[in-house]
Amino acid sequence: MSQESVKPHADALRGAAQARYEVIGALRREQQRLIDEADRIQRAIDALEKEYQDFTTPRPGPTDASPGEAPAQAPSQPPGETPAQTPAQIPAGQ
């Protein structure tokens, strides 16, 4: 193409180039909006998954036992009764 054949269409070509530039700009803005929306949705999903994990993860009970140890238990005896005394606990003379 020579300059002579393009010259009569210069205004149309400039208009087409400007339209192309504007369309690409609008598409990029929409792409960024979609990326931002996807990030917002992903953060919401992550928060819900963490909340679910917090609800379903077993937690140790309120004991002083180390992991893997059974918690200390009080001696079993009926309420209101005192435990039997061992010979070492009986005062002399009884």
PDB file of N, CA and C in Angstrom:
ATOM      1  N   MET A   1       0.839  -1.174   0.000  1.00  0.00           N
ATOM      2  CA  MET A   1       0.000   0.000   0.000  1.00  0.00           C
ATOM      3  C   MET A   1       0.888   1.243   0.000  1.00  0.00           C
ATOM      4  N   SER A   2       0.491   2.117  -0.801  1.00  0.00           N
ATOM      5  CA  SER A   2       1.254   3.360  -0.844  1.00  0.00           C
ATOM      6  C   SER A   2       0.520   4.435  -0.066  1.00  0.00           C
ATOM      7  N   GLN A   3       1.224   5.527   0.180  1.00  0.00           N
ATOM      8  CA  GLN A   3       0.651   6.648   0.919  1.00  0.00           C
ATOM      9  C   GLN A   3      -0.590   7.182   0.199  1.00  0.00           C
ATOM     10  N   GLU A   4      -0.545   7.170  -1.147  1.00  0.00           N
ATOM     11  CA  GLU A   4      -1.661   7.711  -1.916  1.00  0.00           C
ATOM     12  C   GLU A   4      -2.932   6.888  -1.706  1.00  0.00           C
ATOM     13  N   SER A   5      -2.798   5.583  -1.560  1.00  0.00           N
ATOM     14  CA  SER A   5      -3.993   4.749  -1.396  1.00  0.00           C
ATOM     15  C   SER A   5      -4.506   4.786   0.043  1.00  0.00           C
ATOM     16  N   VAL A   6      -3.658   5.100   1.009  1.00  0.00           N
ATOM     17  CA  VAL A   6      -4.051   5.146   2.420  1.00  0.00           C
ATOM     18  C   VAL A   6      -4.610   6.523   2.770  1.00  0.00           C
ATOM     19  N   LYS A   7      -4.083   7.559   2.143  1.00  0.00           N
ATOM     20  CA  LYS A   7      -4.431   8.927   2.514  1.00  0.00           C
ATOM     21  C   LYS A   7      -5.936   9.183   2.524  1.00  0.00           C
ATOM     22  N   PRO A   8      -6.673   8.743   1.532  1.00  0.00           N
ATOM     23  CA  PRO A   8      -8.104   9.026   1.570  1.00  0.00           C
ATOM     24  C   PRO A   8      -8.807   8.343   2.752  1.00  0.00           C
ATOM     25  N   HIS A   9      -8.203   7.318   3.320  1.00  0.00           N
ATOM     26  CA  HIS A   9      -8.818   6.566   4.423  1.00  0.00           C
ATOM     27  C   HIS A   9      -8.149   6.854   5.767  1.00  0.00           C
ATOM     28  N   ALA A  10      -7.314   7.868   5.835  1.00  0.00           N
ATOM     29  CA  ALA A  10      -6.548   8.172   7.045  1.00  0.00           C
ATOM     30  C   ALA A  10      -7.467   8.443   8.230  1.00  0.00           C
ATOM     31  N   ASP A  11      -8.512   9.214   8.016  1.00  0.00           N
ATOM     32  CA  ASP A  11      -9.418   9.511   9.126  1.00  0.00           C
ATOM     33  C   ASP A  11     -10.100   8.224   9.618  1.00  0.00           C
ATOM     34  N   ALA A  12     -10.507   7.387   8.709  1.00  0.00           N
ATOM     35  CA  ALA A  12     -11.158   6.122   9.081  1.00  0.00           C
ATOM     36  C   ALA A  12     -10.182   5.224   9.821  1.00  0.00           C
ATOM     37  N   LEU A  13      -8.924   5.185   9.378  1.00  0.00           N
ATOM     38  CA  LEU A  13      -7.915   4.365  10.054  1.00  0.00           C
ATOM     39  C   LEU A  13      -7.629   4.903  11.450  1.00  0.00           C
ATOM     40  N   ARG A  14      -7.521   6.246  11.583  1.00  0.00           N
ATOM     41  CA  ARG A  14      -7.312   6.827  12.915  1.00  0.00           C
ATOM     42  C   ARG A  14      -8.504   6.507  13.823  1.00  0.00           C
ATOM     43  N   GLY A  15      -9.697   6.601  13.291  1.00  0.00           N
ATOM     44  CA  GLY A  15     -10.908   6.286  14.072  1.00  0.00           C
ATOM     45  C   GLY A  15     -10.922   4.823  14.494  1.00  0.00           C
ATOM     46  N   ALA A  16     -10.525   3.941  13.587  1.00  0.00           N
ATOM     47  CA  ALA A  16     -10.476   2.509  13.911  1.00  0.00           C
ATOM     48  C   ALA A  16      -9.403   2.225  14.951  1.00  0.00           C
ATOM     49  N   ALA A  17      -8.257   2.884  14.830  1.00  0.00           N
ATOM     50  CA  ALA A  17      -7.180   2.688  15.805  1.00  0.00           C
ATOM     51  C   ALA A  17      -7.618   3.193  17.175  1.00  0.00           C
ATOM     52  N   GLN A  18      -8.303   4.350  17.206  1.00  0.00           N
ATOM     53  CA  GLN A  18      -8.780   4.884  18.474  1.00  0.00           C
ATOM     54  C   GLN A  18      -9.831   3.949  19.082  1.00  0.00           C
ATOM     55  N   ALA A  19     -10.734   3.431  18.283  1.00  0.00           N
ATOM     56  CA  ALA A  19     -11.752   2.494  18.769  1.00  0.00           C
ATOM     57  C   ALA A  19     -11.089   1.230  19.315  1.00  0.00           C
ATOM     58  N   ARG A  20     -10.090   0.731  18.585  1.00  0.00           N
ATOM     59  CA  ARG A  20      -9.367  -0.465  19.047  1.00  0.00           C
ATOM     60  C   ARG A  20      -8.710  -0.200  20.398  1.00  0.00           C
ATOM     61  N   TYR A  21      -8.070   0.964  20.538  1.00  0.00           N
ATOM     62  CA  TYR A  21      -7.411   1.343  21.784  1.00  0.00           C
ATOM     63  C   TYR A  21      -8.428   1.403  22.930  1.00  0.00           C
ATOM     64  N   GLU A  22      -9.576   2.003  22.676  1.00  0.00           N
ATOM     65  CA  GLU A  22     -10.601   2.124  23.713  1.00  0.00           C
ATOM     66  C   GLU A  22     -11.184   0.762  24.098  1.00  0.00           C
ATOM     67  N   VAL A  23     -11.406  -0.099  23.112  1.00  0.00           N
ATOM     68  CA  VAL A  23     -11.944  -1.438  23.397  1.00  0.00           C
ATOM     69  C   VAL A  23     -10.944  -2.243  24.222  1.00  0.00           C
ATOM     70  N   ILE A  24      -9.671  -2.190  23.856  1.00  0.00           N
ATOM     71  CA  ILE A  24      -8.650  -2.920  24.615  1.00  0.00           C
ATOM     72  C   ILE A  24      -8.574  -2.380  26.042  1.00  0.00           C
ATOM     73  N   GLY A  25      -8.640  -1.067  26.219  1.00  0.00           N
ATOM     74  CA  GLY A  25      -8.634  -0.474  27.555  1.00  0.00           C
ATOM     75  C   GLY A  25      -9.829  -0.943  28.377  1.00  0.00           C
ATOM     76  N   ALA A  26     -11.010  -0.951  27.759  1.00  0.00           N
ATOM     77  CA  ALA A  26     -12.217  -1.406  28.463  1.00  0.00           C
ATOM     78  C   ALA A  26     -12.106  -2.885  28.828  1.00  0.00           C
ATOM     79  N   LEU A  27     -11.569  -3.683  27.933  1.00  0.00           N
ATOM     80  CA  LEU A  27     -11.397  -5.111  28.221  1.00  0.00           C
ATOM     81  C   LEU A  27     -10.408  -5.326  29.368  1.00  0.00           C
ATOM     82  N   ARG A  28      -9.342  -4.555  29.392  1.00  0.00           N
ATOM     83  CA  ARG A  28      -8.365  -4.684  30.485  1.00  0.00           C
ATOM     84  C   ARG A  28      -8.978  -4.267  31.823  1.00  0.00           C
ATOM     85  N   ARG A  29      -9.781  -3.190  31.818  1.00  0.00           N
ATOM     86  CA  ARG A  29     -10.454  -2.767  33.056  1.00  0.00           C
ATOM     87  C   ARG A  29     -11.416  -3.858  33.538  1.00  0.00           C
ATOM     88  N   GLU A  30     -12.157  -4.441  32.614  1.00  0.00           N
ATOM     89  CA  GLU A  30     -13.080  -5.529  32.984  1.00  0.00           C
ATOM     90  C   GLU A  30     -12.309  -6.746  33.484  1.00  0.00           C
ATOM     91  N   GLN A  31     -11.192  -7.049  32.848  1.00  0.00           N
ATOM     92  CA  GLN A  31     -10.358  -8.164  33.297  1.00  0.00           C
ATOM     93  C   GLN A  31      -9.883  -7.923  34.727  1.00  0.00           C
ATOM     94  N   GLN A  32      -9.445  -6.716  35.027  1.00  0.00           N
ATOM     95  CA  GLN A  32      -8.978  -6.410  36.383  1.00  0.00           C
ATOM     96  C   GLN A  32     -10.121  -6.479  37.378  1.00  0.00           C
ATOM     97  N   ARG A  33     -11.312  -6.003  36.984  1.00  0.00           N
ATOM     98  CA  ARG A  33     -12.478  -6.096  37.870  1.00  0.00           C
ATOM     99  C   ARG A  33     -12.792  -7.552  38.187  1.00  0.00           C
ATOM    100  N   LEU A  34     -12.718  -8.412  37.174  1.00  0.00           N
ATOM    101  CA  LEU A  34     -12.982  -9.844  37.383  1.00  0.00           C
ATOM    102  C   LEU A  34     -11.914 -10.488  38.268  1.00  0.00           C
ATOM    103  N   ILE A  35     -10.662 -10.094  38.081  1.00  0.00           N
ATOM    104  CA  ILE A  35      -9.583 -10.613  38.931  1.00  0.00           C
ATOM    105  C   ILE A  35      -9.822 -10.195  40.381  1.00  0.00           C
ATOM    106  N   ASP A  36     -10.177  -8.928  40.593  1.00  0.00           N
ATOM    107  CA  ASP A  36     -10.458  -8.446  41.950  1.00  0.00           C
ATOM    108  C   ASP A  36     -11.635  -9.197  42.564  1.00  0.00           C
ATOM    109  N   GLU A  37     -12.670  -9.423  41.777  1.00  0.00           N
ATOM    110  CA  GLU A  37     -13.842 -10.153  42.268  1.00  0.00           C
ATOM    111  C   GLU A  37     -13.474 -11.600  42.598  1.00  0.00           C
ATOM    112  N   ALA A  38     -12.661 -12.225  41.755  1.00  0.00           N
ATOM    113  CA  ALA A  38     -12.216 -13.602  42.022  1.00  0.00           C
ATOM    114  C   ALA A  38     -11.394 -13.661  43.308  1.00  0.00           C
ATOM    115  N   ASP A  39     -10.541 -12.662  43.536  1.00  0.00           N
ATOM    116  CA  ASP A  39      -9.756 -12.612  44.776  1.00  0.00           C
ATOM    117  C   ASP A  39     -10.669 -12.470  45.989  1.00  0.00           C
ATOM    118  N   ARG A  40     -11.686 -11.610  45.884  1.00  0.00           N
ATOM    119  CA  ARG A  40     -12.635 -11.417  46.982  1.00  0.00           C
ATOM    120  C   ARG A  40     -13.382 -12.726  47.279  1.00  0.00           C
ATOM    121  N   ILE A  41     -13.798 -13.408  46.232  1.00  0.00           N
ATOM    122  CA  ILE A  41     -14.504 -14.689  46.407  1.00  0.00           C
ATOM    123  C   ILE A  41     -13.572 -15.717  47.035  1.00  0.00           C
ATOM    124  N   GLN A  42     -12.317 -15.764  46.591  1.00  0.00           N
ATOM    125  CA  GLN A  42     -11.365 -16.732  47.153  1.00  0.00           C
ATOM    126  C   GLN A  42     -11.129 -16.464  48.630  1.00  0.00           C
ATOM    127  N   ARG A  43     -11.026 -15.187  49.025  1.00  0.00           N
ATOM    128  CA  ARG A  43     -10.855 -14.863  50.443  1.00  0.00           C
ATOM    129  C   ARG A  43     -12.065 -15.308  51.255  1.00  0.00           C
ATOM    130  N   ALA A  44     -13.262 -15.154  50.696  1.00  0.00           N
ATOM    131  CA  ALA A  44     -14.476 -15.601  51.394  1.00  0.00           C
ATOM    132  C   ALA A  44     -14.475 -17.120  51.539  1.00  0.00           C
ATOM    133  N   ILE A  45     -14.071 -17.828  50.491  1.00  0.00           N
ATOM    134  CA  ILE A  45     -13.988 -19.295  50.555  1.00  0.00           C
ATOM    135  C   ILE A  45     -12.968 -19.711  51.603  1.00  0.00           C
ATOM    136  N   ASP A  46     -11.796 -19.071  51.597  1.00  0.00           N
ATOM    137  CA  ASP A  46     -10.755 -19.404  52.578  1.00  0.00           C
ATOM    138  C   ASP A  46     -11.248 -19.177  54.007  1.00  0.00           C
ATOM    139  N   ALA A  47     -11.968 -18.073  54.232  1.00  0.00           N
ATOM    140  CA  ALA A  47     -12.478 -17.781  55.575  1.00  0.00           C
ATOM    141  C   ALA A  47     -13.496 -18.839  56.002  1.00  0.00           C
ATOM    142  N   LEU A  48     -14.376 -19.240  55.082  1.00  0.00           N
ATOM    143  CA  LEU A  48     -15.363 -20.270  55.412  1.00  0.00           C
ATOM    144  C   LEU A  48     -14.696 -21.614  55.686  1.00  0.00           C
ATOM    145  N   GLU A  49     -13.689 -21.970  54.896  1.00  0.00           N
ATOM    146  CA  GLU A  49     -12.976 -23.228  55.129  1.00  0.00           C
ATOM    147  C   GLU A  49     -12.264 -23.206  56.472  1.00  0.00           C
ATOM    148  N   LYS A  50     -11.653 -22.077  56.831  1.00  0.00           N
ATOM    149  CA  LYS A  50     -10.972 -21.978  58.123  1.00  0.00           C
ATOM    150  C   LYS A  50     -11.984 -22.095  59.257  1.00  0.00           C
ATOM    151  N   GLU A  51     -13.115 -21.425  59.115  1.00  0.00           N
ATOM    152  CA  GLU A  51     -14.154 -21.494  60.136  1.00  0.00           C
ATOM    153  C   GLU A  51     -14.644 -22.937  60.303  1.00  0.00           C
ATOM    154  N   TYR A  52     -14.832 -23.642  59.180  1.00  0.00           N
ATOM    155  CA  TYR A  52     -15.261 -25.041  59.234  1.00  0.00           C
ATOM    156  C   TYR A  52     -14.200 -25.897  59.919  1.00  0.00           C
ATOM    157  N   GLN A  53     -12.932 -25.665  59.565  1.00  0.00           N
ATOM    158  CA  GLN A  53     -11.830 -26.414  60.185  1.00  0.00           C
ATOM    159  C   GLN A  53     -11.808 -26.178  61.691  1.00  0.00           C
ATOM    160  N   ASP A  54     -12.010 -24.923  62.105  1.00  0.00           N
ATOM    161  CA  ASP A  54     -12.008 -24.604  63.531  1.00  0.00           C
ATOM    162  C   ASP A  54     -13.137 -25.323  64.259  1.00  0.00           C
ATOM    163  N   PHE A  55     -14.285 -25.492  63.591  1.00  0.00           N
ATOM    164  CA  PHE A  55     -15.417 -26.180  64.211  1.00  0.00           C
ATOM    165  C   PHE A  55     -15.211 -27.684  64.294  1.00  0.00           C
ATOM    166  N   THR A  56     -14.493 -28.249  63.329  1.00  0.00           N
ATOM    167  CA  THR A  56     -14.395 -29.709  63.244  1.00  0.00           C
ATOM    168  C   THR A  56     -13.091 -30.288  63.748  1.00  0.00           C
ATOM    169  N   THR A  57     -12.105 -29.458  64.069  1.00  0.00           N
ATOM    170  CA  THR A  57     -10.820 -29.944  64.559  1.00  0.00           C
ATOM    171  C   THR A  57     -10.944 -30.290  66.040  1.00  0.00           C
ATOM    172  N   PRO A  58     -10.635 -31.544  66.423  1.00  0.00           N
ATOM    173  CA  PRO A  58     -10.701 -31.892  67.850  1.00  0.00           C
ATOM    174  C   PRO A  58      -9.704 -31.064  68.649  1.00  0.00           C
ATOM    175  N   ARG A  59     -10.099 -30.693  69.818  1.00  0.00           N
ATOM    176  CA  ARG A  59      -9.245 -29.913  70.710  1.00  0.00           C
ATOM    177  C   ARG A  59      -9.002 -30.724  71.985  1.00  0.00           C
ATOM    178  N   PRO A  60      -7.805 -30.627  72.575  1.00  0.00           N
ATOM    179  CA  PRO A  60      -7.568 -31.332  73.833  1.00  0.00           C
ATOM    180  C   PRO A  60      -8.432 -30.726  74.935  1.00  0.00           C
ATOM    181  N   GLY A  61      -8.834 -31.585  75.860  1.00  0.00           N
ATOM    182  CA  GLY A  61      -9.643 -31.125  76.984  1.00  0.00           C
ATOM    183  C   GLY A  61      -8.799 -30.350  77.976  1.00  0.00           C
ATOM    184  N   PRO A  62      -9.423 -29.769  78.991  1.00  0.00           N
ATOM    185  CA  PRO A  62      -8.686 -28.985  79.991  1.00  0.00           C
ATOM    186  C   PRO A  62      -7.996 -29.894  81.005  1.00  0.00           C
ATOM    187  N   THR A  63      -6.854 -30.465  80.622  1.00  0.00           N
ATOM    188  CA  THR A  63      -6.068 -31.323  81.522  1.00  0.00           C
ATOM    189  C   THR A  63      -4.631 -30.852  81.506  1.00  0.00           C
ATOM    190  N   ASP A  64      -3.874 -31.345  82.469  1.00  0.00           N
ATOM    191  CA  ASP A  64      -2.447 -31.035  82.512  1.00  0.00           C
ATOM    192  C   ASP A  64      -1.630 -32.143  81.883  1.00  0.00           C
ATOM    193  N   ALA A  65      -2.301 -33.156  81.337  1.00  0.00           N
ATOM    194  CA  ALA A  65      -1.596 -34.305  80.776  1.00  0.00           C
ATOM    195  C   ALA A  65      -0.851 -33.891  79.506  1.00  0.00           C
ATOM    196  N   SER A  66       0.297 -34.464  79.320  1.00  0.00           N
ATOM    197  CA  SER A  66       1.049 -34.234  78.100  1.00  0.00           C
ATOM    198  C   SER A  66       0.398 -35.047  76.988  1.00  0.00           C
ATOM    199  N   PRO A  67       0.663 -34.685  75.733  1.00  0.00           N
ATOM    200  CA  PRO A  67       0.091 -35.472  74.640  1.00  0.00           C
ATOM    201  C   PRO A  67       0.520 -36.932  74.758  1.00  0.00           C
ATOM    202  N   GLY A  68      -0.410 -37.819  74.590  1.00  0.00           N
ATOM    203  CA  GLY A  68      -0.108 -39.248  74.662  1.00  0.00           C
ATOM    204  C   GLY A  68      -0.264 -39.823  76.049  1.00  0.00           C
ATOM    205  N   GLU A  69      -0.392 -39.007  77.078  1.00  0.00           N
ATOM    206  CA  GLU A  69      -0.577 -39.482  78.446  1.00  0.00           C
ATOM    207  C   GLU A  69      -2.053 -39.462  78.788  1.00  0.00           C
ATOM    208  N   ALA A  70      -2.466 -40.416  79.597  1.00  0.00           N
ATOM    209  CA  ALA A  70      -3.835 -40.408  80.086  1.00  0.00           C
ATOM    210  C   ALA A  70      -3.941 -39.348  81.176  1.00  0.00           C
ATOM    211  N   PRO A  71      -5.066 -38.636  81.243  1.00  0.00           N
ATOM    212  CA  PRO A  71      -5.205 -37.633  82.298  1.00  0.00           C
ATOM    213  C   PRO A  71      -5.264 -38.285  83.662  1.00  0.00           C
ATOM    214  N   ALA A  72      -4.732 -37.577  84.661  1.00  0.00           N
ATOM    215  CA  ALA A  72      -4.743 -38.095  86.033  1.00  0.00           C
ATOM    216  C   ALA A  72      -6.182 -38.169  86.512  1.00  0.00           C
ATOM    217  N   GLN A  73      -6.525 -39.255  87.210  1.00  0.00           N
ATOM    218  CA  GLN A  73      -7.880 -39.425  87.710  1.00  0.00           C
ATOM    219  C   GLN A  73      -7.850 -39.518  89.222  1.00  0.00           C
ATOM    220  N   ALA A  74      -8.856 -38.944  89.834  1.00  0.00           N
ATOM    221  CA  ALA A  74      -8.987 -39.034  91.288  1.00  0.00           C
ATOM    222  C   ALA A  74      -9.383 -40.459  91.646  1.00  0.00           C
ATOM    223  N   PRO A  75      -8.989 -40.927  92.845  1.00  0.00           N
ATOM    224  CA  PRO A  75      -9.385 -42.283  93.239  1.00  0.00           C
ATOM    225  C   PRO A  75     -10.904 -42.365  93.283  1.00  0.00           C
ATOM    226  N   SER A  76     -11.420 -43.528  92.855  1.00  0.00           N
ATOM    227  CA  SER A  76     -12.868 -43.674  92.846  1.00  0.00           C
ATOM    228  C   SER A  76     -13.345 -44.126  94.215  1.00  0.00           C
ATOM    229  N   GLN A  77     -14.331 -43.440  94.735  1.00  0.00           N
ATOM    230  CA  GLN A  77     -14.946 -43.795  96.012  1.00  0.00           C
ATOM    231  C   GLN A  77     -16.358 -43.217  96.007  1.00  0.00           C
ATOM    232  N   PRO A  78     -17.251 -43.845  96.698  1.00  0.00           N
ATOM    233  CA  PRO A  78     -18.615 -43.308  96.746  1.00  0.00           C
ATOM    234  C   PRO A  78     -18.619 -41.953  97.436  1.00  0.00           C
ATOM    235  N   PRO A  79     -19.528 -41.069  97.027  1.00  0.00           N
ATOM    236  CA  PRO A  79     -19.590 -39.751  97.657  1.00  0.00           C
ATOM    237  C   PRO A  79     -19.907 -39.866  99.149  1.00  0.00           C
ATOM    238  N   GLY A  80     -19.261 -39.041  99.946  1.00  0.00           N
ATOM    239  CA  GLY A  80     -19.505 -39.020 101.378  1.00  0.00           C
ATOM    240  C   GLY A  80     -18.679 -39.997 102.179  1.00  0.00           C
ATOM    241  N   GLU A  81     -17.975 -40.892 101.563  1.00  0.00           N
ATOM    242  CA  GLU A  81     -17.148 -41.864 102.291  1.00  0.00           C
ATOM    243  C   GLU A  81     -15.702 -41.418 102.259  1.00  0.00           C
ATOM    244  N   THR A  82     -14.957 -41.768 103.283  1.00  0.00           N
ATOM    245  CA  THR A  82     -13.530 -41.469 103.306  1.00  0.00           C
ATOM    246  C   THR A  82     -12.797 -42.710 102.850  1.00  0.00           C
ATOM    247  N   PRO A  83     -11.658 -42.537 102.234  1.00  0.00           N
ATOM    248  CA  PRO A  83     -10.926 -43.712 101.770  1.00  0.00           C
ATOM    249  C   PRO A  83     -10.392 -44.509 102.955  1.00  0.00           C
ATOM    250  N   ALA A  84     -10.202 -45.803 102.703  1.00  0.00           N
ATOM    251  CA  ALA A  84      -9.642 -46.665 103.758  1.00  0.00           C
ATOM    252  C   ALA A  84      -8.220 -46.236 104.055  1.00  0.00           C
ATOM    253  N   GLN A  85      -7.828 -46.318 105.328  1.00  0.00           N
ATOM    254  CA  GLN A  85      -6.483 -45.932 105.715  1.00  0.00           C
ATOM    255  C   GLN A  85      -5.550 -47.125 105.576  1.00  0.00           C
ATOM    256  N   THR A  86      -4.351 -46.833 105.123  1.00  0.00           N
ATOM    257  CA  THR A  86      -3.331 -47.874 105.069  1.00  0.00           C
ATOM    258  C   THR A  86      -2.717 -48.008 106.449  1.00  0.00           C
ATOM    259  N   PRO A  87      -2.054 -49.117 106.794  1.00  0.00           N
ATOM    260  CA  PRO A  87      -1.449 -49.280 108.108  1.00  0.00           C
ATOM    261  C   PRO A  87      -0.505 -48.130 108.461  1.00  0.00           C
ATOM    262  N   ALA A  88       0.181 -47.529 107.502  1.00  0.00           N
ATOM    263  CA  ALA A  88       1.103 -46.434 107.797  1.00  0.00           C
ATOM    264  C   ALA A  88       0.353 -45.179 108.205  1.00  0.00           C
ATOM    265  N   GLN A  89      -0.912 -45.063 107.803  1.00  0.00           N
ATOM    266  CA  GLN A  89      -1.679 -43.877 108.137  1.00  0.00           C
ATOM    267  C   GLN A  89      -2.425 -43.980 109.467  1.00  0.00           C
ATOM    268  N   ILE A  90      -2.537 -45.192 110.021  1.00  0.00           N
ATOM    269  CA  ILE A  90      -3.283 -45.387 111.276  1.00  0.00           C
ATOM    270  C   ILE A  90      -2.410 -44.906 112.420  1.00  0.00           C
ATOM    271  N   PRO A  91      -2.869 -44.000 113.273  1.00  0.00           N
ATOM    272  CA  PRO A  91      -2.074 -43.505 114.397  1.00  0.00           C
ATOM    273  C   PRO A  91      -1.733 -44.656 115.350  1.00  0.00           C
ATOM    274  N   ALA A  92      -0.585 -44.575 115.983  1.00  0.00           N
ATOM    275  CA  ALA A  92      -0.146 -45.616 116.903  1.00  0.00           C
ATOM    276  C   ALA A  92      -1.134 -45.738 118.067  1.00  0.00           C
ATOM    277  N   GLY A  93      -1.361 -46.934 118.504  1.00  0.00           N
ATOM    278  CA  GLY A  93      -2.219 -47.183 119.644  1.00  0.00           C
ATOM    279  C   GLY A  93      -3.649 -47.472 119.235  1.00  0.00           C
ATOM    280  N   GLN A  94      -3.943 -47.596 118.025  1.00  0.00           N
ATOM    281  CA  GLN A  94      -5.315 -47.908 117.618  1.00  0.00           C
ATOM    282  C   GLN A  94      -5.435 -49.292 117.088  1.00  0.00           C
TER     283      GLN A  94
END
